[in-house]
Amino acid sequence: HGEIKINTDRAARGNPRKGGIGCIFRDSEGKILGSFAQGLGLVSNYTAECKAIIKGVDLVASNGWLIAWAESDSKAAVVVFHSDNIPWILKAEWANAKRSIQ
């Protein structure tokens, strides 16, 4: 109870091309608590997947929720966050998101 599940995804019309991200936030019973969508402009699929996870964590923290887990359909993005080997272009965004949950 009190934990949140973040479902994230991205959409892009090519690689790289114009893209966007989205997140859905659910409680432990599956009730939708909120959602978020944002256009990103020119972006690779991989970068968009990582940005979706970062934005989801940041929004959960800014609402004061505890994080149970983040779910993404990108194995490459999940592996990067588990290894804390974030691409340099995203390090500042990830550092800010992590700072907000501490």
N, C-alpha and C. Protein backbone atom coordinates (compact mmCIF):
# COMPACT_ATOMS: atom_id res chain seq x y z
N HIS A 1 0.83 -1.20 0.00
CA HIS A 1 0.00 0.00 0.00
C HIS A 1 0.86 1.24 0.00
N GLY A 2 0.39 2.27 -0.65
CA GLY A 2 1.13 3.53 -0.71
C GLY A 2 2.22 3.54 -1.75
N GLU A 3 2.39 2.45 -2.50
CA GLU A 3 3.43 2.41 -3.52
C GLU A 3 2.80 2.63 -4.89
N ILE A 4 3.62 3.11 -5.81
CA ILE A 4 3.15 3.49 -7.14
C ILE A 4 3.85 2.67 -8.21
N LYS A 5 3.10 2.31 -9.23
CA LYS A 5 3.68 1.69 -10.42
C LYS A 5 3.66 2.72 -11.54
N ILE A 6 4.81 2.88 -12.20
CA ILE A 6 4.93 3.79 -13.33
C ILE A 6 5.03 2.95 -14.59
N ASN A 7 4.10 3.11 -15.50
CA ASN A 7 4.20 2.51 -16.83
C ASN A 7 4.66 3.61 -17.78
N THR A 8 5.75 3.37 -18.48
CA THR A 8 6.29 4.38 -19.39
C THR A 8 6.38 3.83 -20.80
N ASP A 9 6.34 4.74 -21.77
CA ASP A 9 6.55 4.36 -23.16
C ASP A 9 6.91 5.61 -23.95
N ARG A 10 7.32 5.36 -25.17
CA ARG A 10 7.67 6.44 -26.08
C ARG A 10 7.05 6.15 -27.44
N ALA A 11 6.98 7.19 -28.24
CA ALA A 11 6.55 7.04 -29.62
C ALA A 11 7.47 7.90 -30.47
N ALA A 12 7.86 7.38 -31.62
CA ALA A 12 8.69 8.14 -32.54
C ALA A 12 8.39 7.68 -33.95
N ARG A 13 8.45 8.60 -34.88
CA ARG A 13 8.18 8.29 -36.29
C ARG A 13 9.50 8.10 -37.02
N GLY A 14 10.27 7.14 -36.59
CA GLY A 14 11.58 6.89 -37.17
C GLY A 14 12.63 6.95 -36.08
N ASN A 15 13.87 6.81 -36.47
CA ASN A 15 14.94 6.78 -35.48
C ASN A 15 16.20 7.41 -36.06
N PRO A 16 16.52 8.64 -35.73
CA PRO A 16 15.76 9.58 -34.89
C PRO A 16 14.72 10.33 -35.71
N ARG A 17 13.71 10.74 -35.05
CA ARG A 17 12.63 11.54 -35.62
C ARG A 17 11.89 12.24 -34.50
N LYS A 18 10.81 12.94 -34.85
CA LYS A 18 9.98 13.56 -33.83
C LYS A 18 9.42 12.47 -32.93
N GLY A 19 9.46 12.71 -31.63
CA GLY A 19 8.99 11.71 -30.70
C GLY A 19 8.32 12.32 -29.49
N GLY A 20 7.82 11.46 -28.65
CA GLY A 20 7.18 11.90 -27.42
C GLY A 20 7.20 10.78 -26.40
N ILE A 21 6.85 11.12 -25.18
CA ILE A 21 6.84 10.16 -24.08
C ILE A 21 5.51 10.22 -23.34
N GLY A 22 5.24 9.15 -22.61
CA GLY A 22 4.04 9.11 -21.79
C GLY A 22 4.25 8.24 -20.56
N CYS A 23 3.53 8.55 -19.51
CA CYS A 23 3.58 7.79 -18.25
C CYS A 23 2.17 7.67 -17.71
N ILE A 24 1.90 6.53 -17.10
CA ILE A 24 0.65 6.33 -16.35
C ILE A 24 1.05 5.91 -14.94
N PHE A 25 0.41 6.49 -13.95
CA PHE A 25 0.71 6.21 -12.55
C PHE A 25 -0.48 5.49 -11.92
N ARG A 26 -0.19 4.34 -11.29
CA ARG A 26 -1.25 3.52 -10.68
C ARG A 26 -0.89 3.21 -9.23
N ASP A 27 -1.93 3.04 -8.41
CA ASP A 27 -1.68 2.64 -7.03
C ASP A 27 -1.58 1.12 -6.94
N SER A 28 -1.42 0.59 -5.74
CA SER A 28 -1.21 -0.85 -5.55
C SER A 28 -2.44 -1.68 -5.92
N GLU A 29 -3.58 -1.04 -6.11
CA GLU A 29 -4.79 -1.75 -6.52
C GLU A 29 -5.07 -1.58 -8.02
N GLY A 30 -4.17 -0.90 -8.74
CA GLY A 30 -4.33 -0.70 -10.17
C GLY A 30 -5.11 0.54 -10.56
N LYS A 31 -5.57 1.31 -9.58
CA LYS A 31 -6.32 2.54 -9.85
C LYS A 31 -5.39 3.58 -10.47
N ILE A 32 -5.83 4.19 -11.57
CA ILE A 32 -5.02 5.21 -12.23
C ILE A 32 -5.07 6.49 -11.40
N LEU A 33 -3.89 6.98 -11.03
CA LEU A 33 -3.77 8.20 -10.23
C LEU A 33 -3.47 9.42 -11.09
N GLY A 34 -2.93 9.18 -12.26
CA GLY A 34 -2.60 10.29 -13.14
C GLY A 34 -1.86 9.80 -14.36
N SER A 35 -1.65 10.72 -15.29
CA SER A 35 -0.93 10.40 -16.51
C SER A 35 -0.18 11.65 -16.96
N PHE A 36 0.75 11.43 -17.89
CA PHE A 36 1.57 12.52 -18.39
C PHE A 36 1.96 12.20 -19.82
N ALA A 37 1.98 13.20 -20.69
CA ALA A 37 2.48 13.05 -22.06
C ALA A 37 3.23 14.32 -22.43
N GLN A 38 4.29 14.14 -23.23
CA GLN A 38 5.11 15.30 -23.62
C GLN A 38 5.76 15.02 -24.96
N GLY A 39 5.74 16.01 -25.84
CA GLY A 39 6.47 15.94 -27.09
C GLY A 39 7.94 16.25 -26.83
N LEU A 40 8.83 15.61 -27.58
CA LEU A 40 10.26 15.80 -27.36
C LEU A 40 10.99 16.43 -28.55
N GLY A 41 10.37 16.51 -29.68
CA GLY A 41 11.07 16.97 -30.87
C GLY A 41 11.92 15.84 -31.43
N LEU A 42 13.05 16.16 -32.04
CA LEU A 42 13.92 15.18 -32.66
C LEU A 42 14.64 14.36 -31.59
N VAL A 43 14.43 13.04 -31.62
CA VAL A 43 14.99 12.18 -30.58
C VAL A 43 15.10 10.74 -31.11
N SER A 44 16.06 9.99 -30.58
CA SER A 44 16.15 8.57 -30.90
C SER A 44 15.17 7.79 -30.04
N ASN A 45 14.81 6.59 -30.47
CA ASN A 45 13.91 5.75 -29.68
C ASN A 45 14.48 5.47 -28.30
N TYR A 46 15.76 5.14 -28.24
CA TYR A 46 16.42 4.81 -26.98
C TYR A 46 16.42 6.00 -26.02
N THR A 47 16.78 7.17 -26.51
CA THR A 47 16.78 8.37 -25.67
C THR A 47 15.38 8.68 -25.16
N ALA A 48 14.38 8.52 -26.02
CA ALA A 48 13.00 8.77 -25.60
C ALA A 48 12.58 7.79 -24.51
N GLU A 49 12.94 6.52 -24.64
CA GLU A 49 12.60 5.53 -23.60
C GLU A 49 13.23 5.94 -22.26
N CYS A 50 14.49 6.34 -22.29
CA CYS A 50 15.17 6.77 -21.05
C CYS A 50 14.52 8.01 -20.47
N LYS A 51 14.18 8.97 -21.33
CA LYS A 51 13.54 10.20 -20.85
C LYS A 51 12.18 9.90 -20.23
N ALA A 52 11.45 8.92 -20.74
CA ALA A 52 10.15 8.56 -20.17
C ALA A 52 10.33 8.04 -18.74
N ILE A 53 11.33 7.20 -18.53
CA ILE A 53 11.59 6.67 -17.18
C ILE A 53 12.00 7.80 -16.24
N ILE A 54 12.89 8.64 -16.68
CA ILE A 54 13.35 9.76 -15.85
C ILE A 54 12.18 10.67 -15.47
N LYS A 55 11.36 11.03 -16.44
CA LYS A 55 10.23 11.92 -16.17
C LYS A 55 9.23 11.25 -15.23
N GLY A 56 9.00 9.95 -15.40
CA GLY A 56 8.09 9.24 -14.51
C GLY A 56 8.57 9.26 -13.07
N VAL A 57 9.85 8.98 -12.87
CA VAL A 57 10.42 9.01 -11.51
C VAL A 57 10.33 10.41 -10.92
N ASP A 58 10.63 11.40 -11.73
CA ASP A 58 10.58 12.79 -11.26
C ASP A 58 9.16 13.19 -10.85
N LEU A 59 8.17 12.82 -11.64
CA LEU A 59 6.78 13.17 -11.30
C LEU A 59 6.27 12.43 -10.07
N VAL A 60 6.67 11.17 -9.91
CA VAL A 60 6.28 10.43 -8.72
C VAL A 60 6.85 11.10 -7.47
N ALA A 61 8.13 11.45 -7.55
CA ALA A 61 8.78 12.10 -6.41
C ALA A 61 8.15 13.46 -6.10
N SER A 62 7.82 14.22 -7.13
CA SER A 62 7.25 15.55 -6.89
C SER A 62 5.86 15.47 -6.28
N ASN A 63 5.17 14.33 -6.41
CA ASN A 63 3.87 14.12 -5.77
C ASN A 63 4.01 13.50 -4.38
N GLY A 64 5.23 13.19 -3.97
CA GLY A 64 5.46 12.61 -2.65
C GLY A 64 5.08 11.15 -2.54
N TRP A 65 4.94 10.46 -3.68
CA TRP A 65 4.60 9.04 -3.67
C TRP A 65 5.85 8.19 -3.50
N LEU A 66 5.68 6.98 -2.96
CA LEU A 66 6.76 6.01 -2.92
C LEU A 66 6.75 5.24 -4.23
N ILE A 67 7.90 4.83 -4.69
CA ILE A 67 7.97 4.11 -5.96
C ILE A 67 8.08 2.62 -5.69
N ALA A 68 7.16 1.84 -6.22
CA ALA A 68 7.24 0.40 -6.13
C ALA A 68 8.09 -0.11 -7.28
N TRP A 69 7.76 0.31 -8.49
CA TRP A 69 8.53 -0.11 -9.65
C TRP A 69 8.16 0.76 -10.85
N ALA A 70 9.10 0.81 -11.79
CA ALA A 70 8.86 1.46 -13.08
C ALA A 70 8.91 0.37 -14.13
N GLU A 71 7.97 0.41 -15.05
CA GLU A 71 7.89 -0.62 -16.09
C GLU A 71 8.04 0.04 -17.46
N SER A 72 8.90 -0.56 -18.29
CA SER A 72 9.14 -0.08 -19.64
C SER A 72 9.25 -1.28 -20.57
N ASP A 73 8.87 -1.12 -21.83
CA ASP A 73 9.01 -2.21 -22.78
C ASP A 73 10.39 -2.19 -23.46
N SER A 74 11.28 -1.31 -23.01
CA SER A 74 12.63 -1.23 -23.56
C SER A 74 13.62 -1.91 -22.64
N LYS A 75 14.06 -3.10 -23.02
CA LYS A 75 15.04 -3.83 -22.22
C LYS A 75 16.33 -3.03 -22.09
N ALA A 76 16.75 -2.38 -23.16
CA ALA A 76 17.99 -1.60 -23.14
C ALA A 76 17.92 -0.47 -22.11
N ALA A 77 16.79 0.22 -22.04
CA ALA A 77 16.64 1.31 -21.07
C ALA A 77 16.63 0.77 -19.65
N VAL A 78 15.94 -0.33 -19.42
CA VAL A 78 15.88 -0.91 -18.08
C VAL A 78 17.26 -1.34 -17.61
N VAL A 79 18.04 -1.98 -18.49
CA VAL A 79 19.39 -2.41 -18.14
C VAL A 79 20.26 -1.21 -17.76
N VAL A 80 20.15 -0.13 -18.50
CA VAL A 80 20.94 1.07 -18.21
C VAL A 80 20.65 1.62 -16.83
N PHE A 81 19.38 1.65 -16.44
CA PHE A 81 19.04 2.20 -15.12
C PHE A 81 19.43 1.25 -14.00
N HIS A 82 19.38 -0.04 -14.23
CA HIS A 82 19.82 -1.01 -13.23
C HIS A 82 21.33 -0.94 -13.02
N SER A 83 22.07 -0.64 -14.07
CA SER A 83 23.53 -0.58 -13.97
C SER A 83 24.03 0.81 -13.59
N ASP A 84 23.13 1.79 -13.54
CA ASP A 84 23.47 3.19 -13.27
C ASP A 84 24.52 3.68 -14.26
N ASN A 85 24.40 3.24 -15.50
CA ASN A 85 25.29 3.64 -16.58
C ASN A 85 24.51 4.49 -17.58
N ILE A 86 23.97 5.59 -17.10
CA ILE A 86 23.10 6.46 -17.87
C ILE A 86 23.90 7.18 -18.97
N PRO A 87 23.36 7.29 -20.18
CA PRO A 87 24.05 8.03 -21.24
C PRO A 87 24.36 9.46 -20.79
N TRP A 88 25.52 9.94 -21.16
CA TRP A 88 25.99 11.26 -20.67
C TRP A 88 24.98 12.36 -20.96
N ILE A 89 24.29 12.29 -22.07
CA ILE A 89 23.35 13.35 -22.43
C ILE A 89 22.14 13.42 -21.48
N LEU A 90 21.90 12.34 -20.73
CA LEU A 90 20.77 12.28 -19.81
C LEU A 90 21.18 12.34 -18.34
N LYS A 91 22.47 12.39 -18.06
CA LYS A 91 22.94 12.33 -16.67
C LYS A 91 22.39 13.45 -15.80
N ALA A 92 22.32 14.68 -16.31
CA ALA A 92 21.83 15.81 -15.51
C ALA A 92 20.35 15.62 -15.18
N GLU A 93 19.55 15.18 -16.15
CA GLU A 93 18.12 14.94 -15.89
C GLU A 93 17.95 13.83 -14.85
N TRP A 94 18.72 12.75 -14.97
CA TRP A 94 18.62 11.63 -14.03
C TRP A 94 19.08 12.05 -12.64
N ALA A 95 20.14 12.84 -12.56
CA ALA A 95 20.62 13.31 -11.25
C ALA A 95 19.55 14.15 -10.56
N ASN A 96 18.88 15.01 -11.30
CA ASN A 96 17.81 15.84 -10.72
C ASN A 96 16.64 14.97 -10.25
N ALA A 97 16.26 13.98 -11.03
CA ALA A 97 15.16 13.09 -10.65
C ALA A 97 15.52 12.31 -9.40
N LYS A 98 16.74 11.77 -9.34
CA LYS A 98 17.17 11.01 -8.17
C LYS A 98 17.24 11.90 -6.92
N ARG A 99 17.69 13.13 -7.10
CA ARG A 99 17.78 14.07 -5.97
C ARG A 99 16.40 14.34 -5.40
N SER A 100 15.38 14.39 -6.23
CA SER A 100 14.04 14.69 -5.75
C SER A 100 13.40 13.54 -4.98
N ILE A 101 13.93 12.31 -5.13
CA ILE A 101 13.37 11.19 -4.38
C ILE A 101 14.13 10.90 -3.10
N GLN A 102 15.20 11.60 -2.86
CA GLN A 102 15.97 11.36 -1.64
C GLN A 102 15.55 12.28 -0.52
